[in-house]
Amino acid sequence: MKQKVVSIIKENLLEIIPALENEELSLDDTFVDLGANSLDRGELITMTLERLESESSRVEFVGAQTINELADMIVEKG
């Protein structure tokens, strides 16, 4: 399940920040290091939850700073 969530997060991140297309995305790079501002992170969380058809509130995930943290939090709330 986590690998699926990570894959969706990465796809959404590339959609939001196309400049990352040719970058190697580390699961532990912070969203700030990847160039995502707070609006981008909110959009990323919303898009990811929608694709996973999750009923969780995006507010529960705003503390996530990396792809890894966000994926872990989403899987935990499952």
PDB file of N, CA and C in Angstrom:
ATOM      1  N   MET A   1       0.829  -1.201   0.000  1.00  0.00           N
ATOM      2  CA  MET A   1       0.000   0.000   0.000  1.00  0.00           C
ATOM      3  C   MET A   1       0.869   1.260   0.000  1.00  0.00           C
ATOM      4  N   LYS A   2       1.929   1.265   0.809  1.00  0.00           N
ATOM      5  CA  LYS A   2       2.747   2.473   0.887  1.00  0.00           C
ATOM      6  C   LYS A   2       3.371   2.800  -0.465  1.00  0.00           C
ATOM      7  N   GLN A   3       3.839   1.782  -1.181  1.00  0.00           N
ATOM      8  CA  GLN A   3       4.473   2.037  -2.477  1.00  0.00           C
ATOM      9  C   GLN A   3       3.485   2.684  -3.444  1.00  0.00           C
ATOM     10  N   LYS A   4       2.225   2.257  -3.399  1.00  0.00           N
ATOM     11  CA  LYS A   4       1.185   2.856  -4.246  1.00  0.00           C
ATOM     12  C   LYS A   4       0.982   4.321  -3.871  1.00  0.00           C
ATOM     13  N   VAL A   5       0.940   4.611  -2.585  1.00  0.00           N
ATOM     14  CA  VAL A   5       0.756   5.979  -2.104  1.00  0.00           C
ATOM     15  C   VAL A   5       1.940   6.845  -2.530  1.00  0.00           C
ATOM     16  N   VAL A   6       3.155   6.334  -2.381  1.00  0.00           N
ATOM     17  CA  VAL A   6       4.361   7.066  -2.784  1.00  0.00           C
ATOM     18  C   VAL A   6       4.298   7.383  -4.278  1.00  0.00           C
ATOM     19  N   SER A   7       3.911   6.411  -5.066  1.00  0.00           N
ATOM     20  CA  SER A   7       3.823   6.597  -6.511  1.00  0.00           C
ATOM     21  C   SER A   7       2.814   7.702  -6.861  1.00  0.00           C
ATOM     22  N   ILE A   8       1.670   7.691  -6.213  1.00  0.00           N
ATOM     23  CA  ILE A   8       0.642   8.713  -6.455  1.00  0.00           C
ATOM     24  C   ILE A   8       1.145  10.089  -6.026  1.00  0.00           C
ATOM     25  N   ILE A   9       1.800  10.161  -4.876  1.00  0.00           N
ATOM     26  CA  ILE A   9       2.343  11.438  -4.403  1.00  0.00           C
ATOM     27  C   ILE A   9       3.339  11.988  -5.429  1.00  0.00           C
ATOM     28  N   LYS A  10       4.236  11.135  -5.920  1.00  0.00           N
ATOM     29  CA  LYS A  10       5.231  11.577  -6.897  1.00  0.00           C
ATOM     30  C   LYS A  10       4.566  12.071  -8.181  1.00  0.00           C
ATOM     31  N   GLU A  11       3.574  11.330  -8.678  1.00  0.00           N
ATOM     32  CA  GLU A  11       2.867  11.738  -9.893  1.00  0.00           C
ATOM     33  C   GLU A  11       2.203  13.099  -9.697  1.00  0.00           C
ATOM     34  N   ASN A  12       1.554  13.272  -8.557  1.00  0.00           N
ATOM     35  CA  ASN A  12       0.883  14.537  -8.277  1.00  0.00           C
ATOM     36  C   ASN A  12       1.888  15.676  -8.132  1.00  0.00           C
ATOM     37  N   LEU A  13       3.011  15.392  -7.511  1.00  0.00           N
ATOM     38  CA  LEU A  13       4.046  16.409  -7.315  1.00  0.00           C
ATOM     39  C   LEU A  13       4.567  16.892  -8.671  1.00  0.00           C
ATOM     40  N   LEU A  14       4.752  15.970  -9.606  1.00  0.00           N
ATOM     41  CA  LEU A  14       5.223  16.340 -10.952  1.00  0.00           C
ATOM     42  C   LEU A  14       4.163  17.151 -11.699  1.00  0.00           C
ATOM     43  N   GLU A  15       2.907  16.876 -11.429  1.00  0.00           N
ATOM     44  CA  GLU A  15       1.832  17.644 -12.057  1.00  0.00           C
ATOM     45  C   GLU A  15       1.808  19.075 -11.513  1.00  0.00           C
ATOM     46  N   ILE A  16       2.043  19.216 -10.218  1.00  0.00           N
ATOM     47  CA  ILE A  16       2.015  20.532  -9.570  1.00  0.00           C
ATOM     48  C   ILE A  16       3.291  21.328  -9.882  1.00  0.00           C
ATOM     49  N   ILE A  17       4.435  20.646  -9.904  1.00  0.00           N
ATOM     50  CA  ILE A  17       5.721  21.306 -10.152  1.00  0.00           C
ATOM     51  C   ILE A  17       6.422  20.591 -11.322  1.00  0.00           C
ATOM     52  N   PRO A  18       6.026  20.937 -12.549  1.00  0.00           N
ATOM     53  CA  PRO A  18       6.590  20.258 -13.731  1.00  0.00           C
ATOM     54  C   PRO A  18       8.113  20.355 -13.828  1.00  0.00           C
ATOM     55  N   ALA A  19       8.722  21.342 -13.210  1.00  0.00           N
ATOM     56  CA  ALA A  19      10.182  21.494 -13.258  1.00  0.00           C
ATOM     57  C   ALA A  19      10.906  20.311 -12.623  1.00  0.00           C
ATOM     58  N   LEU A  20      10.196  19.513 -11.824  1.00  0.00           N
ATOM     59  CA  LEU A  20      10.811  18.352 -11.168  1.00  0.00           C
ATOM     60  C   LEU A  20      10.881  17.127 -12.080  1.00  0.00           C
ATOM     61  N   GLU A  21      10.345  17.251 -13.284  1.00  0.00           N
ATOM     62  CA  GLU A  21      10.237  16.128 -14.223  1.00  0.00           C
ATOM     63  C   GLU A  21      11.529  15.315 -14.356  1.00  0.00           C
ATOM     64  N   ASN A  22      12.658  15.980 -14.509  1.00  0.00           N
ATOM     65  CA  ASN A  22      13.915  15.271 -14.732  1.00  0.00           C
ATOM     66  C   ASN A  22      14.767  15.146 -13.472  1.00  0.00           C
ATOM     67  N   GLU A  23      14.172  15.458 -12.341  1.00  0.00           N
ATOM     68  CA  GLU A  23      14.885  15.379 -11.063  1.00  0.00           C
ATOM     69  C   GLU A  23      14.698  13.997 -10.433  1.00  0.00           C
ATOM     70  N   GLU A  24      15.691  13.569  -9.682  1.00  0.00           N
ATOM     71  CA  GLU A  24      15.570  12.345  -8.893  1.00  0.00           C
ATOM     72  C   GLU A  24      14.882  12.725  -7.588  1.00  0.00           C
ATOM     73  N   LEU A  25      13.671  12.248  -7.385  1.00  0.00           N
ATOM     74  CA  LEU A  25      12.913  12.601  -6.186  1.00  0.00           C
ATOM     75  C   LEU A  25      13.239  11.629  -5.060  1.00  0.00           C
ATOM     76  N   SER A  26      13.903  12.141  -4.050  1.00  0.00           N
ATOM     77  CA  SER A  26      14.190  11.329  -2.871  1.00  0.00           C
ATOM     78  C   SER A  26      12.978  11.381  -1.948  1.00  0.00           C
ATOM     79  N   LEU A  27      12.671  10.267  -1.337  1.00  0.00           N
ATOM     80  CA  LEU A  27      11.529  10.213  -0.421  1.00  0.00           C
ATOM     81  C   LEU A  27      11.757  11.075   0.807  1.00  0.00           C
ATOM     82  N   ASP A  28      13.014  11.424   1.062  1.00  0.00           N
ATOM     83  CA  ASP A  28      13.327  12.195   2.257  1.00  0.00           C
ATOM     84  C   ASP A  28      13.685  13.654   1.985  1.00  0.00           C
ATOM     85  N   ASP A  29      13.604  14.080   0.717  1.00  0.00           N
ATOM     86  CA  ASP A  29      13.747  15.512   0.424  1.00  0.00           C
ATOM     87  C   ASP A  29      12.505  16.211   0.975  1.00  0.00           C
ATOM     88  N   THR A  30      12.712  17.364   1.589  1.00  0.00           N
ATOM     89  CA  THR A  30      11.532  18.086   2.083  1.00  0.00           C
ATOM     90  C   THR A  30      10.806  18.710   0.894  1.00  0.00           C
ATOM     91  N   PHE A  31       9.527  18.949   1.082  1.00  0.00           N
ATOM     92  CA  PHE A  31       8.747  19.586   0.021  1.00  0.00           C
ATOM     93  C   PHE A  31       9.312  20.970  -0.282  1.00  0.00           C
ATOM     94  N   VAL A  32       9.805  21.653   0.747  1.00  0.00           N
ATOM     95  CA  VAL A  32      10.420  22.973   0.556  1.00  0.00           C
ATOM     96  C   VAL A  32      11.646  22.840  -0.348  1.00  0.00           C
ATOM     97  N   ASP A  33      12.493  21.841  -0.094  1.00  0.00           N
ATOM     98  CA  ASP A  33      13.680  21.618  -0.925  1.00  0.00           C
ATOM     99  C   ASP A  33      13.301  21.313  -2.376  1.00  0.00           C
ATOM    100  N   LEU A  34      12.149  20.702  -2.562  1.00  0.00           N
ATOM    101  CA  LEU A  34      11.673  20.371  -3.908  1.00  0.00           C
ATOM    102  C   LEU A  34      10.998  21.562  -4.590  1.00  0.00           C
ATOM    103  N   GLY A  35      10.860  22.656  -3.853  1.00  0.00           N
ATOM    104  CA  GLY A  35      10.290  23.871  -4.443  1.00  0.00           C
ATOM    105  C   GLY A  35       8.803  24.043  -4.219  1.00  0.00           C
ATOM    106  N   ALA A  36       8.223  23.241  -3.332  1.00  0.00           N
ATOM    107  CA  ALA A  36       6.785  23.330  -3.064  1.00  0.00           C
ATOM    108  C   ALA A  36       6.520  24.320  -1.937  1.00  0.00           C
ATOM    109  N   ASN A  37       5.653  25.290  -2.206  1.00  0.00           N
ATOM    110  CA  ASN A  37       5.241  26.211  -1.145  1.00  0.00           C
ATOM    111  C   ASN A  37       4.021  25.627  -0.430  1.00  0.00           C
ATOM    112  N   SER A  38       3.472  26.359   0.513  1.00  0.00           N
ATOM    113  CA  SER A  38       2.364  25.821   1.305  1.00  0.00           C
ATOM    114  C   SER A  38       1.129  25.548   0.443  1.00  0.00           C
ATOM    115  N   LEU A  39       0.889  26.372  -0.569  1.00  0.00           N
ATOM    116  CA  LEU A  39      -0.254  26.123  -1.455  1.00  0.00           C
ATOM    117  C   LEU A  39      -0.039  24.849  -2.264  1.00  0.00           C
ATOM    118  N   ASP A  40       1.182  24.659  -2.747  1.00  0.00           N
ATOM    119  CA  ASP A  40       1.513  23.434  -3.491  1.00  0.00           C
ATOM    120  C   ASP A  40       1.309  22.201  -2.620  1.00  0.00           C
ATOM    121  N   ARG A  41       1.755  22.281  -1.362  1.00  0.00           N
ATOM    122  CA  ARG A  41       1.608  21.136  -0.455  1.00  0.00           C
ATOM    123  C   ARG A  41       0.137  20.841  -0.195  1.00  0.00           C
ATOM    124  N   GLY A  42      -0.668  21.885  -0.015  1.00  0.00           N
ATOM    125  CA  GLY A  42      -2.099  21.685   0.181  1.00  0.00           C
ATOM    126  C   GLY A  42      -2.741  21.021  -1.022  1.00  0.00           C
ATOM    127  N   GLU A  43      -2.351  21.476  -2.206  1.00  0.00           N
ATOM    128  CA  GLU A  43      -2.873  20.891  -3.437  1.00  0.00           C
ATOM    129  C   GLU A  43      -2.419  19.440  -3.583  1.00  0.00           C
ATOM    130  N   LEU A  44      -1.168  19.178  -3.236  1.00  0.00           N
ATOM    131  CA  LEU A  44      -0.633  17.813  -3.303  1.00  0.00           C
ATOM    132  C   LEU A  44      -1.422  16.874  -2.393  1.00  0.00           C
ATOM    133  N   ILE A  45      -1.672  17.312  -1.178  1.00  0.00           N
ATOM    134  CA  ILE A  45      -2.434  16.490  -0.226  1.00  0.00           C
ATOM    135  C   ILE A  45      -3.842  16.246  -0.749  1.00  0.00           C
ATOM    136  N   THR A  46      -4.500  17.309  -1.219  1.00  0.00           N
ATOM    137  CA  THR A  46      -5.867  17.180  -1.731  1.00  0.00           C
ATOM    138  C   THR A  46      -5.926  16.221  -2.912  1.00  0.00           C
ATOM    139  N   MET A  47      -5.035  16.403  -3.878  1.00  0.00           N
ATOM    140  CA  MET A  47      -5.021  15.534  -5.064  1.00  0.00           C
ATOM    141  C   MET A  47      -4.767  14.081  -4.687  1.00  0.00           C
ATOM    142  N   THR A  48      -3.841  13.862  -3.773  1.00  0.00           N
ATOM    143  CA  THR A  48      -3.489  12.497  -3.370  1.00  0.00           C
ATOM    144  C   THR A  48      -4.666  11.828  -2.660  1.00  0.00           C
ATOM    145  N   LEU A  49      -5.295  12.542  -1.744  1.00  0.00           N
ATOM    146  CA  LEU A  49      -6.446  11.974  -1.031  1.00  0.00           C
ATOM    147  C   LEU A  49      -7.591  11.677  -1.993  1.00  0.00           C
ATOM    148  N   GLU A  50      -7.805  12.564  -2.965  1.00  0.00           N
ATOM    149  CA  GLU A  50      -8.867  12.330  -3.952  1.00  0.00           C
ATOM    150  C   GLU A  50      -8.581  11.080  -4.778  1.00  0.00           C
ATOM    151  N   ARG A  51      -7.341  10.923  -5.226  1.00  0.00           N
ATOM    152  CA  ARG A  51      -6.993   9.756  -6.039  1.00  0.00           C
ATOM    153  C   ARG A  51      -7.105   8.458  -5.253  1.00  0.00           C
ATOM    154  N   LEU A  52      -6.894   8.557  -3.948  1.00  0.00           N
ATOM    155  CA  LEU A  52      -7.011   7.373  -3.090  1.00  0.00           C
ATOM    156  C   LEU A  52      -8.439   7.192  -2.576  1.00  0.00           C
ATOM    157  N   GLU A  53      -9.319   8.132  -2.963  1.00  0.00           N
ATOM    158  CA  GLU A  53     -10.711   8.124  -2.520  1.00  0.00           C
ATOM    159  C   GLU A  53     -10.810   8.070  -0.999  1.00  0.00           C
ATOM    160  N   SER A  54      -9.936   8.850  -0.353  1.00  0.00           N
ATOM    161  CA  SER A  54      -9.900   8.909   1.105  1.00  0.00           C
ATOM    162  C   SER A  54     -10.828  10.004   1.603  1.00  0.00           C
ATOM    163  N   GLU A  55     -11.492   9.712   2.695  1.00  0.00           N
ATOM    164  CA  GLU A  55     -12.405  10.680   3.311  1.00  0.00           C
ATOM    165  C   GLU A  55     -11.692  11.527   4.374  1.00  0.00           C
ATOM    166  N   SER A  56     -10.410  11.279   4.580  1.00  0.00           N
ATOM    167  CA  SER A  56      -9.660  12.014   5.595  1.00  0.00           C
ATOM    168  C   SER A  56      -9.587  13.497   5.244  1.00  0.00           C
ATOM    169  N   SER A  57      -9.515  14.318   6.267  1.00  0.00           N
ATOM    170  CA  SER A  57      -9.360  15.754   6.072  1.00  0.00           C
ATOM    171  C   SER A  57      -7.902  16.068   5.769  1.00  0.00           C
ATOM    172  N   ARG A  58      -7.672  16.955   4.804  1.00  0.00           N
ATOM    173  CA  ARG A  58      -6.282  17.263   4.452  1.00  0.00           C
ATOM    174  C   ARG A  58      -5.544  17.925   5.607  1.00  0.00           C
ATOM    175  N   VAL A  59      -6.275  18.529   6.527  1.00  0.00           N
ATOM    176  CA  VAL A  59      -5.668  19.190   7.681  1.00  0.00           C
ATOM    177  C   VAL A  59      -4.847  18.197   8.505  1.00  0.00           C
ATOM    178  N   GLU A  60      -5.254  16.939   8.497  1.00  0.00           N
ATOM    179  CA  GLU A  60      -4.546  15.910   9.265  1.00  0.00           C
ATOM    180  C   GLU A  60      -3.123  15.668   8.761  1.00  0.00           C
ATOM    181  N   PHE A  61      -2.831  16.125   7.535  1.00  0.00           N
ATOM    182  CA  PHE A  61      -1.560  15.776   6.892  1.00  0.00           C
ATOM    183  C   PHE A  61      -0.627  16.970   6.684  1.00  0.00           C
ATOM    184  N   VAL A  62      -1.034  18.155   7.139  1.00  0.00           N
ATOM    185  CA  VAL A  62      -0.216  19.349   6.866  1.00  0.00           C
ATOM    186  C   VAL A  62       1.153  19.309   7.542  1.00  0.00           C
ATOM    187  N   GLY A  63       1.330  18.485   8.543  1.00  0.00           N
ATOM    188  CA  GLY A  63       2.614  18.395   9.227  1.00  0.00           C
ATOM    189  C   GLY A  63       3.669  17.620   8.450  1.00  0.00           C
ATOM    190  N   ALA A  64       3.250  16.906   7.418  1.00  0.00           N
ATOM    191  CA  ALA A  64       4.197  16.106   6.633  1.00  0.00           C
ATOM    192  C   ALA A  64       5.166  17.014   5.896  1.00  0.00           C
ATOM    193  N   GLN A  65       6.451  16.722   6.025  1.00  0.00           N
ATOM    194  CA  GLN A  65       7.488  17.553   5.396  1.00  0.00           C
ATOM    195  C   GLN A  65       8.158  16.879   4.199  1.00  0.00           C
ATOM    196  N   THR A  66       7.967  15.551   4.073  1.00  0.00           N
ATOM    197  CA  THR A  66       8.605  14.803   2.982  1.00  0.00           C
ATOM    198  C   THR A  66       7.598  13.849   2.351  1.00  0.00           C
ATOM    199  N   ILE A  67       7.960  13.313   1.198  1.00  0.00           N
ATOM    200  CA  ILE A  67       7.109  12.316   0.536  1.00  0.00           C
ATOM    201  C   ILE A  67       6.906  11.128   1.476  1.00  0.00           C
ATOM    202  N   ASN A  68       7.997  10.700   2.107  1.00  0.00           N
ATOM    203  CA  ASN A  68       7.961   9.561   3.025  1.00  0.00           C
ATOM    204  C   ASN A  68       6.995   9.803   4.188  1.00  0.00           C
ATOM    205  N   GLU A  69       7.104  10.978   4.814  1.00  0.00           N
ATOM    206  CA  GLU A  69       6.227  11.305   5.950  1.00  0.00           C
ATOM    207  C   GLU A  69       4.765  11.341   5.521  1.00  0.00           C
ATOM    208  N   LEU A  70       4.502  11.970   4.380  1.00  0.00           N
ATOM    209  CA  LEU A  70       3.121  12.063   3.900  1.00  0.00           C
ATOM    210  C   LEU A  70       2.564  10.671   3.608  1.00  0.00           C
ATOM    211  N   ALA A  71       3.352   9.834   2.948  1.00  0.00           N
ATOM    212  CA  ALA A  71       2.907   8.469   2.631  1.00  0.00           C
ATOM    213  C   ALA A  71       2.626   7.680   3.911  1.00  0.00           C
ATOM    214  N   ASP A  72       3.529   7.785   4.880  1.00  0.00           N
ATOM    215  CA  ASP A  72       3.328   7.073   6.150  1.00  0.00           C
ATOM    216  C   ASP A  72       2.046   7.530   6.839  1.00  0.00           C
ATOM    217  N   MET A  73       1.816   8.844   6.856  1.00  0.00           N
ATOM    218  CA  MET A  73       0.627   9.376   7.523  1.00  0.00           C
ATOM    219  C   MET A  73      -0.663   8.905   6.825  1.00  0.00           C
ATOM    220  N   ILE A  74      -0.651   8.901   5.485  1.00  0.00           N
ATOM    221  CA  ILE A  74      -1.835   8.467   4.736  1.00  0.00           C
ATOM    222  C   ILE A  74      -2.101   6.988   4.974  1.00  0.00           C
ATOM    223  N   VAL A  75      -1.053   6.163   4.946  1.00  0.00           N
ATOM    224  CA  VAL A  75      -1.215   4.724   5.171  1.00  0.00           C
ATOM    225  C   VAL A  75      -1.732   4.481   6.591  1.00  0.00           C
ATOM    226  N   GLU A  76      -1.204   5.224   7.559  1.00  0.00           N
ATOM    227  CA  GLU A  76      -1.626   5.087   8.954  1.00  0.00           C
ATOM    228  C   GLU A  76      -3.110   5.396   9.134  1.00  0.00           C
ATOM    229  N   LYS A  77      -3.575   6.454   8.453  1.00  0.00           N
ATOM    230  CA  LYS A  77      -4.988   6.849   8.580  1.00  0.00           C
ATOM    231  C   LYS A  77      -5.881   5.902   7.809  1.00  0.00           C
ATOM    232  N   GLY A  78      -5.277   5.261   6.788  1.00  0.00           N
ATOM    233  CA  GLY A  78      -5.901   4.295   5.912  1.00  0.00           C
ATOM    234  C   GLY A  78      -7.339   4.235   5.967  1.00  0.00           C
TER     235      GLY A  78
END
